[in-house]
Amino acid sequence: DNIKNTVYLQMNSLKPEDTAVYYCARSSGSVYDTSV
């Protein structure tokens, strides 16, 4: 939501392997670049 300056991640059917610290970040490149 660019008006609220907020990005969301909806996670369903969660699995134990989803356990982690989740970080949001701003990209300096392509949306398809998955590298840190």
PDB file of all heavy atoms in Angstrom:
ATOM      1  N   ASP A   1       0.870  -1.161   0.000  1.00  0.00           N
ATOM      2  CA  ASP A   1       0.000   0.000   0.000  1.00  0.00           C
ATOM      3  C   ASP A   1       0.911   1.216   0.000  1.00  0.00           C
ATOM      4  O   ASP A   1       1.476   1.576   1.032  1.00  0.00           O
ATOM      5  CB  ASP A   1      -0.917  -0.003   1.221  1.00  0.00           C
ATOM      6  CG  ASP A   1      -1.930   1.120   1.201  1.00  0.00           C
ATOM      7  OD1 ASP A   1      -1.677   2.162   0.572  1.00  0.00           O
ATOM      8  OD2 ASP A   1      -2.998   0.961   1.829  1.00  0.00           O
ATOM      9  N   ASN A   2       1.076   1.840  -1.158  1.00  0.00           N
ATOM     10  CA  ASN A   2       2.017   2.951  -1.282  1.00  0.00           C
ATOM     11  C   ASN A   2       1.537   4.222  -0.590  1.00  0.00           C
ATOM     12  O   ASN A   2       2.339   5.107  -0.305  1.00  0.00           O
ATOM     13  CB  ASN A   2       2.309   3.227  -2.755  1.00  0.00           C
ATOM     14  CG  ASN A   2       3.209   2.184  -3.381  1.00  0.00           C
ATOM     15  OD1 ASN A   2       3.693   1.270  -2.697  1.00  0.00           O
ATOM     16  ND2 ASN A   2       3.438   2.307  -4.685  1.00  0.00           N
ATOM     17  N   ILE A   3       0.241   4.317  -0.334  1.00  0.00           N
ATOM     18  CA  ILE A   3      -0.278   5.461   0.411  1.00  0.00           C
ATOM     19  C   ILE A   3       0.124   5.355   1.873  1.00  0.00           C
ATOM     20  O   ILE A   3       0.492   6.337   2.510  1.00  0.00           O
ATOM     21  CB  ILE A   3      -1.801   5.573   0.273  1.00  0.00           C
ATOM     22  CG1 ILE A   3      -2.206   5.712  -1.192  1.00  0.00           C
ATOM     23  CG2 ILE A   3      -2.316   6.751   1.089  1.00  0.00           C
ATOM     24  CD1 ILE A   3      -1.602   6.914  -1.881  1.00  0.00           C
ATOM     25  N   LYS A   4       0.061   4.144   2.406  1.00  0.00           N
ATOM     26  CA  LYS A   4       0.436   3.893   3.795  1.00  0.00           C
ATOM     27  C   LYS A   4       1.912   3.574   3.969  1.00  0.00           C
ATOM     28  O   LYS A   4       2.376   3.389   5.095  1.00  0.00           O
ATOM     29  CB  LYS A   4      -0.387   2.742   4.368  1.00  0.00           C
ATOM     30  CG  LYS A   4      -1.873   3.027   4.462  1.00  0.00           C
ATOM     31  CD  LYS A   4      -2.607   1.843   5.079  1.00  0.00           C
ATOM     32  CE  LYS A   4      -4.086   2.135   5.228  1.00  0.00           C
ATOM     33  NZ  LYS A   4      -4.815   0.978   5.825  1.00  0.00           N
ATOM     34  N   ASN A   5       2.656   3.485   2.859  1.00  0.00           N
ATOM     35  CA  ASN A   5       4.081   3.133   2.907  1.00  0.00           C
ATOM     36  C   ASN A   5       4.294   1.813   3.653  1.00  0.00           C
ATOM     37  O   ASN A   5       5.168   1.701   4.524  1.00  0.00           O
ATOM     38  CB  ASN A   5       4.899   4.239   3.563  1.00  0.00           C
ATOM     39  CG  ASN A   5       5.176   5.399   2.637  1.00  0.00           C
ATOM     40  OD1 ASN A   5       4.815   5.377   1.457  1.00  0.00           O
ATOM     41  ND2 ASN A   5       5.822   6.434   3.154  1.00  0.00           N
ATOM     42  N   THR A   6       3.516   0.825   3.290  1.00  0.00           N
ATOM     43  CA  THR A   6       3.552  -0.455   3.984  1.00  0.00           C
ATOM     44  C   THR A   6       3.535  -1.614   2.988  1.00  0.00           C
ATOM     45  O   THR A   6       2.805  -1.574   1.993  1.00  0.00           O
ATOM     46  CB  THR A   6       2.368  -0.594   4.945  1.00  0.00           C
ATOM     47  OG1 THR A   6       2.372   0.496   5.876  1.00  0.00           O
ATOM     48  CG2 THR A   6       2.446  -1.896   5.723  1.00  0.00           C
ATOM     49  N   VAL A   7       4.336  -2.636   3.264  1.00  0.00           N
ATOM     50  CA  VAL A   7       4.328  -3.864   2.491  1.00  0.00           C
ATOM     51  C   VAL A   7       3.920  -5.005   3.417  1.00  0.00           C
ATOM     52  O   VAL A   7       4.267  -5.006   4.605  1.00  0.00           O
ATOM     53  CB  VAL A   7       5.701  -4.131   1.827  1.00  0.00           C
ATOM     54  CG1 VAL A   7       6.795  -4.297   2.869  1.00  0.00           C
ATOM     55  CG2 VAL A   7       5.627  -5.341   0.906  1.00  0.00           C
ATOM     56  N   TYR A   8       3.183  -5.978   2.880  1.00  0.00           N
ATOM     57  CA  TYR A   8       2.637  -7.057   3.675  1.00  0.00           C
ATOM     58  C   TYR A   8       3.084  -8.410   3.134  1.00  0.00           C
ATOM     59  O   TYR A   8       3.368  -8.568   1.955  1.00  0.00           O
ATOM     60  CB  TYR A   8       1.109  -7.026   3.665  1.00  0.00           C
ATOM     61  CG  TYR A   8       0.511  -5.711   4.083  1.00  0.00           C
ATOM     62  CD1 TYR A   8       0.168  -4.755   3.133  1.00  0.00           C
ATOM     63  CD2 TYR A   8       0.289  -5.431   5.424  1.00  0.00           C
ATOM     64  CE1 TYR A   8      -0.388  -3.547   3.517  1.00  0.00           C
ATOM     65  CE2 TYR A   8      -0.262  -4.223   5.810  1.00  0.00           C
ATOM     66  CZ  TYR A   8      -0.602  -3.283   4.852  1.00  0.00           C
ATOM     67  OH  TYR A   8      -1.148  -2.089   5.238  1.00  0.00           O
ATOM     68  N   LEU A   9       3.108  -9.390   4.023  1.00  0.00           N
ATOM     69  CA  LEU A   9       3.320 -10.773   3.631  1.00  0.00           C
ATOM     70  C   LEU A   9       2.294 -11.632   4.351  1.00  0.00           C
ATOM     71  O   LEU A   9       2.356 -11.800   5.569  1.00  0.00           O
ATOM     72  CB  LEU A   9       4.738 -11.250   3.970  1.00  0.00           C
ATOM     73  CG  LEU A   9       5.054 -12.688   3.547  1.00  0.00           C
ATOM     74  CD1 LEU A   9       5.120 -12.792   2.019  1.00  0.00           C
ATOM     75  CD2 LEU A   9       6.367 -13.168   4.164  1.00  0.00           C
ATOM     76  N   GLN A  10       1.330 -12.144   3.603  1.00  0.00           N
ATOM     77  CA  GLN A  10       0.333 -13.057   4.136  1.00  0.00           C
ATOM     78  C   GLN A  10       0.845 -14.479   3.969  1.00  0.00           C
ATOM     79  O   GLN A  10       1.156 -14.902   2.852  1.00  0.00           O
ATOM     80  CB  GLN A  10      -0.998 -12.892   3.407  1.00  0.00           C
ATOM     81  CG  GLN A  10      -2.084 -13.868   3.820  1.00  0.00           C
ATOM     82  CD  GLN A  10      -2.608 -13.609   5.209  1.00  0.00           C
ATOM     83  OE1 GLN A  10      -2.809 -12.457   5.593  1.00  0.00           O
ATOM     84  NE2 GLN A  10      -2.828 -14.662   5.976  1.00  0.00           N
ATOM     85  N   MET A  11       0.960 -15.217   5.066  1.00  0.00           N
ATOM     86  CA  MET A  11       1.447 -16.583   5.044  1.00  0.00           C
ATOM     87  C   MET A  11       0.352 -17.518   5.535  1.00  0.00           C
ATOM     88  O   MET A  11      -0.149 -17.366   6.650  1.00  0.00           O
ATOM     89  CB  MET A  11       2.690 -16.744   5.915  1.00  0.00           C
ATOM     90  CG  MET A  11       3.912 -15.994   5.403  1.00  0.00           C
ATOM     91  SD  MET A  11       4.737 -16.893   4.051  1.00  0.00           S
ATOM     92  CE  MET A  11       5.440 -18.277   4.956  1.00  0.00           C
ATOM     93  N   ASN A  12      -0.007 -18.483   4.708  1.00  0.00           N
ATOM     94  CA  ASN A  12      -1.018 -19.477   5.046  1.00  0.00           C
ATOM     95  C   ASN A  12      -0.403 -20.869   5.073  1.00  0.00           C
ATOM     96  O   ASN A  12       0.689 -21.090   4.561  1.00  0.00           O
ATOM     97  CB  ASN A  12      -2.161 -19.443   4.035  1.00  0.00           C
ATOM     98  CG  ASN A  12      -2.844 -18.101   3.951  1.00  0.00           C
ATOM     99  OD1 ASN A  12      -3.024 -17.418   4.961  1.00  0.00           O
ATOM    100  ND2 ASN A  12      -3.256 -17.713   2.749  1.00  0.00           N
ATOM    101  N   SER A  13      -1.134 -21.805   5.657  1.00  0.00           N
ATOM    102  CA  SER A  13      -0.682 -23.204   5.726  1.00  0.00           C
ATOM    103  C   SER A  13       0.754 -23.294   6.221  1.00  0.00           C
ATOM    104  O   SER A  13       1.594 -23.977   5.632  1.00  0.00           O
ATOM    105  CB  SER A  13      -0.826 -23.876   4.356  1.00  0.00           C
ATOM    106  OG  SER A  13      -2.164 -23.846   3.908  1.00  0.00           O
ATOM    107  N   LEU A  14       1.030 -22.620   7.302  1.00  0.00           N
ATOM    108  CA  LEU A  14       2.394 -22.533   7.819  1.00  0.00           C
ATOM    109  C   LEU A  14       2.918 -23.894   8.257  1.00  0.00           C
ATOM    110  O   LEU A  14       2.180 -24.728   8.786  1.00  0.00           O
ATOM    111  CB  LEU A  14       2.456 -21.544   8.972  1.00  0.00           C
ATOM    112  CG  LEU A  14       2.403 -20.074   8.557  1.00  0.00           C
ATOM    113  CD1 LEU A  14       2.031 -19.194   9.735  1.00  0.00           C
ATOM    114  CD2 LEU A  14       3.738 -19.644   7.964  1.00  0.00           C
ATOM    115  N   LYS A  15       4.214 -24.091   8.036  1.00  0.00           N
ATOM    116  CA  LYS A  15       4.909 -25.317   8.374  1.00  0.00           C
ATOM    117  C   LYS A  15       6.020 -25.019   9.373  1.00  0.00           C
ATOM    118  O   LYS A  15       6.514 -23.895   9.425  1.00  0.00           O
ATOM    119  CB  LYS A  15       5.516 -25.954   7.116  1.00  0.00           C
ATOM    120  CG  LYS A  15       4.534 -26.172   5.983  1.00  0.00           C
ATOM    121  CD  LYS A  15       5.258 -26.642   4.731  1.00  0.00           C
ATOM    122  CE  LYS A  15       4.304 -26.835   3.574  1.00  0.00           C
ATOM    123  NZ  LYS A  15       5.018 -27.271   2.344  1.00  0.00           N
ATOM    124  N   PRO A  16       6.445 -26.007  10.164  1.00  0.00           N
ATOM    125  CA  PRO A  16       7.553 -25.781  11.095  1.00  0.00           C
ATOM    126  C   PRO A  16       8.807 -25.240  10.408  1.00  0.00           C
ATOM    127  O   PRO A  16       9.534 -24.446  11.010  1.00  0.00           O
ATOM    128  CB  PRO A  16       7.803 -27.166  11.690  1.00  0.00           C
ATOM    129  CG  PRO A  16       6.464 -27.824  11.647  1.00  0.00           C
ATOM    130  CD  PRO A  16       5.844 -27.347  10.357  1.00  0.00           C
ATOM    131  N   GLU A  17       9.059 -25.635   9.175  1.00  0.00           N
ATOM    132  CA  GLU A  17      10.222 -25.153   8.457  1.00  0.00           C
ATOM    133  C   GLU A  17      10.126 -23.681   8.056  1.00  0.00           C
ATOM    134  O   GLU A  17      11.095 -23.105   7.562  1.00  0.00           O
ATOM    135  CB  GLU A  17      10.508 -26.008   7.212  1.00  0.00           C
ATOM    136  CG  GLU A  17       9.297 -26.221   6.326  1.00  0.00           C
ATOM    137  CD  GLU A  17       8.618 -27.551   6.573  1.00  0.00           C
ATOM    138  OE1 GLU A  17       8.415 -27.898   7.754  1.00  0.00           O
ATOM    139  OE2 GLU A  17       8.298 -28.250   5.587  1.00  0.00           O
ATOM    140  N   ASP A  18       8.967 -23.066   8.266  1.00  0.00           N
ATOM    141  CA  ASP A  18       8.819 -21.632   8.051  1.00  0.00           C
ATOM    142  C   ASP A  18       9.346 -20.819   9.229  1.00  0.00           C
ATOM    143  O   ASP A  18       9.420 -19.589   9.143  1.00  0.00           O
ATOM    144  CB  ASP A  18       7.357 -21.264   7.808  1.00  0.00           C
ATOM    145  CG  ASP A  18       6.823 -21.823   6.503  1.00  0.00           C
ATOM    146  OD1 ASP A  18       7.550 -21.807   5.499  1.00  0.00           O
ATOM    147  OD2 ASP A  18       5.650 -22.274   6.495  1.00  0.00           O
ATOM    148  N   THR A  19       9.685 -21.482  10.315  1.00  0.00           N
ATOM    149  CA  THR A  19      10.189 -20.802  11.502  1.00  0.00           C
ATOM    150  C   THR A  19      11.483 -20.063  11.190  1.00  0.00           C
ATOM    151  O   THR A  19      12.454 -20.662  10.715  1.00  0.00           O
ATOM    152  CB  THR A  19      10.420 -21.797  12.643  1.00  0.00           C
ATOM    153  OG1 THR A  19       9.169 -22.381  13.030  1.00  0.00           O
ATOM    154  CG2 THR A  19      11.036 -21.105  13.847  1.00  0.00           C
ATOM    155  N   ALA A  20      11.500 -18.764  11.453  1.00  0.00           N
ATOM    156  CA  ALA A  20      12.660 -17.931  11.149  1.00  0.00           C
ATOM    157  C   ALA A  20      12.369 -16.504  11.583  1.00  0.00           C
ATOM    158  O   ALA A  20      11.240 -16.164  11.933  1.00  0.00           O
ATOM    159  CB  ALA A  20      12.983 -17.962   9.653  1.00  0.00           C
ATOM    160  N   VAL A  21      13.404 -15.677  11.545  1.00  0.00           N
ATOM    161  CA  VAL A  21      13.213 -14.242  11.650  1.00  0.00           C
ATOM    162  C   VAL A  21      12.948 -13.724  10.238  1.00  0.00           C
ATOM    163  O   VAL A  21      13.721 -13.996   9.321  1.00  0.00           O
ATOM    164  CB  VAL A  21      14.437 -13.538  12.258  1.00  0.00           C
ATOM    165  CG1 VAL A  21      14.242 -12.028  12.264  1.00  0.00           C
ATOM    166  CG2 VAL A  21      14.693 -14.047  13.673  1.00  0.00           C
ATOM    167  N   TYR A  22      11.871 -12.983  10.076  1.00  0.00           N
ATOM    168  CA  TYR A  22      11.493 -12.462   8.770  1.00  0.00           C
ATOM    169  C   TYR A  22      11.857 -10.990   8.665  1.00  0.00           C
ATOM    170  O   TYR A  22      11.537 -10.193   9.543  1.00  0.00           O
ATOM    171  CB  TYR A  22       9.993 -12.648   8.536  1.00  0.00           C
ATOM    172  CG  TYR A  22       9.636 -14.068   8.161  1.00  0.00           C
ATOM    173  CD1 TYR A  22       9.736 -15.093   9.096  1.00  0.00           C
ATOM    174  CD2 TYR A  22       9.217 -14.389   6.871  1.00  0.00           C
ATOM    175  CE1 TYR A  22       9.433 -16.396   8.760  1.00  0.00           C
ATOM    176  CE2 TYR A  22       8.907 -15.690   6.531  1.00  0.00           C
ATOM    177  CZ  TYR A  22       9.014 -16.694   7.474  1.00  0.00           C
ATOM    178  OH  TYR A  22       8.710 -17.995   7.138  1.00  0.00           O
ATOM    179  N   TYR A  23      12.523 -10.642   7.578  1.00  0.00           N
ATOM    180  CA  TYR A  23      12.985  -9.286   7.343  1.00  0.00           C
ATOM    181  C   TYR A  23      12.353  -8.710   6.087  1.00  0.00           C
ATOM    182  O   TYR A  23      12.225  -9.403   5.079  1.00  0.00           O
ATOM    183  CB  TYR A  23      14.505  -9.253   7.148  1.00  0.00           C
ATOM    184  CG  TYR A  23      15.315  -9.752   8.315  1.00  0.00           C
ATOM    185  CD1 TYR A  23      15.649 -11.095   8.422  1.00  0.00           C
ATOM    186  CD2 TYR A  23      15.767  -8.877   9.286  1.00  0.00           C
ATOM    187  CE1 TYR A  23      16.404 -11.559   9.483  1.00  0.00           C
ATOM    188  CE2 TYR A  23      16.527  -9.327  10.351  1.00  0.00           C
ATOM    189  CZ  TYR A  23      16.848 -10.668  10.444  1.00  0.00           C
ATOM    190  OH  TYR A  23      17.605 -11.118  11.495  1.00  0.00           O
ATOM    191  N   CYS A  24      11.980  -7.452   6.129  1.00  0.00           N
ATOM    192  CA  CYS A  24      11.622  -6.750   4.905  1.00  0.00           C
ATOM    193  C   CYS A  24      12.807  -5.892   4.484  1.00  0.00           C
ATOM    194  O   CYS A  24      13.650  -5.520   5.303  1.00  0.00           O
ATOM    195  CB  CYS A  24      10.366  -5.896   5.072  1.00  0.00           C
ATOM    196  SG  CYS A  24      10.530  -4.459   6.145  1.00  0.00           S
ATOM    197  N   ALA A  25      12.894  -5.601   3.195  1.00  0.00           N
ATOM    198  CA  ALA A  25      14.026  -4.858   2.669  1.00  0.00           C
ATOM    199  C   ALA A  25      13.638  -4.097   1.409  1.00  0.00           C
ATOM    200  O   ALA A  25      12.693  -4.470   0.711  1.00  0.00           O
ATOM    201  CB  ALA A  25      15.186  -5.808   2.367  1.00  0.00           C
ATOM    202  N   ARG A  26      14.390  -3.037   1.130  1.00  0.00           N
ATOM    203  CA  ARG A  26      14.188  -2.247  -0.075  1.00  0.00           C
ATOM    204  C   ARG A  26      15.156  -2.686  -1.151  1.00  0.00           C
ATOM    205  O   ARG A  26      16.359  -2.804  -0.898  1.00  0.00           O
ATOM    206  CB  ARG A  26      14.388  -0.757   0.211  1.00  0.00           C
ATOM    207  CG  ARG A  26      13.979   0.135  -0.948  1.00  0.00           C
ATOM    208  CD  ARG A  26      14.316   1.586  -0.685  1.00  0.00           C
ATOM    209  NE  ARG A  26      15.723   1.868  -0.923  1.00  0.00           N
ATOM    210  CZ  ARG A  26      16.267   3.090  -0.864  1.00  0.00           C
ATOM    211  NH1 ARG A  26      15.499   4.135  -0.551  1.00  0.00           N
ATOM    212  NH2 ARG A  26      17.552   3.255  -1.088  1.00  0.00           N
ATOM    213  N   SER A  27      14.656  -2.914  -2.354  1.00  0.00           N
ATOM    214  CA  SER A  27      15.474  -3.386  -3.451  1.00  0.00           C
ATOM    215  C   SER A  27      16.200  -2.241  -4.140  1.00  0.00           C
ATOM    216  O   SER A  27      15.655  -1.148  -4.289  1.00  0.00           O
ATOM    217  CB  SER A  27      14.620  -4.124  -4.475  1.00  0.00           C
ATOM    218  OG  SER A  27      15.394  -4.523  -5.595  1.00  0.00           O
ATOM    219  N   SER A  28      17.424  -2.521  -4.571  1.00  0.00           N
ATOM    220  CA  SER A  28      18.183  -1.585  -5.395  1.00  0.00           C
ATOM    221  C   SER A  28      18.242  -2.049  -6.841  1.00  0.00           C
ATOM    222  O   SER A  28      18.947  -1.457  -7.656  1.00  0.00           O
ATOM    223  CB  SER A  28      19.603  -1.424  -4.845  1.00  0.00           C
ATOM    224  OG  SER A  28      20.292  -2.661  -4.833  1.00  0.00           O
ATOM    225  N   GLY A  29      17.483  -3.086  -7.179  1.00  0.00           N
ATOM    226  CA  GLY A  29      17.506  -3.644  -8.518  1.00  0.00           C
ATOM    227  C   GLY A  29      16.165  -4.207  -8.943  1.00  0.00           C
ATOM    228  O   GLY A  29      15.113  -3.658  -8.612  1.00  0.00           O
ATOM    229  N   SER A  30      16.221  -5.331  -9.651  1.00  0.00           N
ATOM    230  CA  SER A  30      15.032  -5.954 -10.210  1.00  0.00           C
ATOM    231  C   SER A  30      14.235  -6.711  -9.152  1.00  0.00           C
ATOM    232  O   SER A  30      14.796  -7.274  -8.213  1.00  0.00           O
ATOM    233  CB  SER A  30      15.434  -6.909 -11.336  1.00  0.00           C
ATOM    234  OG  SER A  30      14.341  -7.693 -11.764  1.00  0.00           O
ATOM    235  N   VAL A  31      12.931  -6.756  -9.330  1.00  0.00           N
ATOM    236  CA  VAL A  31      12.056  -7.520  -8.455  1.00  0.00           C
ATOM    237  C   VAL A  31      12.362  -9.013  -8.547  1.00  0.00           C
ATOM    238  O   VAL A  31      12.045  -9.775  -7.628  1.00  0.00           O
ATOM    239  CB  VAL A  31      10.575  -7.239  -8.792  1.00  0.00           C
ATOM    240  CG1 VAL A  31      10.212  -7.811 -10.158  1.00  0.00           C
ATOM    241  CG2 VAL A  31       9.656  -7.784  -7.713  1.00  0.00           C
ATOM    242  N   TYR A  32      12.997  -9.434  -9.624  1.00  0.00           N
ATOM    243  CA  TYR A  32      13.308 -10.847  -9.836  1.00  0.00           C
ATOM    244  C   TYR A  32      14.692 -11.246  -9.342  1.00  0.00           C
ATOM    245  O   TYR A  32      15.066 -12.417  -9.434  1.00  0.00           O
ATOM    246  CB  TYR A  32      13.171 -11.201 -11.320  1.00  0.00           C
ATOM    247  CG  TYR A  32      11.795 -10.897 -11.865  1.00  0.00           C
ATOM    248  CD1 TYR A  32      11.589  -9.856 -12.764  1.00  0.00           C
ATOM    249  CD2 TYR A  32      10.698 -11.648 -11.466  1.00  0.00           C
ATOM    250  CE1 TYR A  32      10.325  -9.572 -13.244  1.00  0.00           C
ATOM    251  CE2 TYR A  32       9.432 -11.373 -11.942  1.00  0.00           C
ATOM    252  CZ  TYR A  32       9.252 -10.331 -12.838  1.00  0.00           C
ATOM    253  OH  TYR A  32       7.990 -10.059 -13.312  1.00  0.00           O
ATOM    254  N   ASP A  33      15.455 -10.307  -8.817  1.00  0.00           N
ATOM    255  CA  ASP A  33      16.762 -10.598  -8.247  1.00  0.00           C
ATOM    256  C   ASP A  33      16.577 -11.026  -6.798  1.00  0.00           C
ATOM    257  O   ASP A  33      16.181 -10.226  -5.955  1.00  0.00           O
ATOM    258  CB  ASP A  33      17.666  -9.370  -8.339  1.00  0.00           C
ATOM    259  CG  ASP A  33      19.113  -9.668  -7.998  1.00  0.00           C
ATOM    260  OD1 ASP A  33      19.387 -10.694  -7.346  1.00  0.00           O
ATOM    261  OD2 ASP A  33      19.975  -8.869  -8.384  1.00  0.00           O
ATOM    262  N   THR A  34      16.861 -12.282  -6.496  1.00  0.00           N
ATOM    263  CA  THR A  34      16.616 -12.850  -5.174  1.00  0.00           C
ATOM    264  C   THR A  34      17.800 -12.746  -4.222  1.00  0.00           C
ATOM    265  O   THR A  34      17.700 -13.196  -3.077  1.00  0.00           O
ATOM    266  CB  THR A  34      16.222 -14.329  -5.292  1.00  0.00           C
ATOM    267  OG1 THR A  34      17.318 -15.076  -5.823  1.00  0.00           O
ATOM    268  CG2 THR A  34      15.015 -14.495  -6.200  1.00  0.00           C
ATOM    269  N   SER A  35      18.893 -12.169  -4.654  1.00  0.00           N
ATOM    270  CA  SER A  35      20.096 -12.115  -3.837  1.00  0.00           C
ATOM    271  C   SER A  35      19.994 -11.042  -2.754  1.00  0.00           C
ATOM    272  O   SER A  35      19.377  -9.994  -2.948  1.00  0.00           O
ATOM    273  CB  SER A  35      21.330 -11.878  -4.700  1.00  0.00           C
ATOM    274  OG  SER A  35      21.278 -10.609  -5.324  1.00  0.00           O
ATOM    275  N   VAL A  36      20.633 -11.310  -1.627  1.00  0.00           N
ATOM    276  CA  VAL A  36      20.671 -10.359  -0.523  1.00  0.00           C
ATOM    277  C   VAL A  36      21.319  -9.049  -0.953  1.00  0.00           C
ATOM    278  O   VAL A  36      20.898  -7.966  -0.532  1.00  0.00           O
ATOM    279  CB  VAL A  36      21.421 -10.961   0.682  1.00  0.00           C
ATOM    280  CG1 VAL A  36      21.677  -9.910   1.743  1.00  0.00           C
ATOM    281  CG2 VAL A  36      20.629 -12.129   1.266  1.00  0.00           C
TER     282      VAL A  36
END
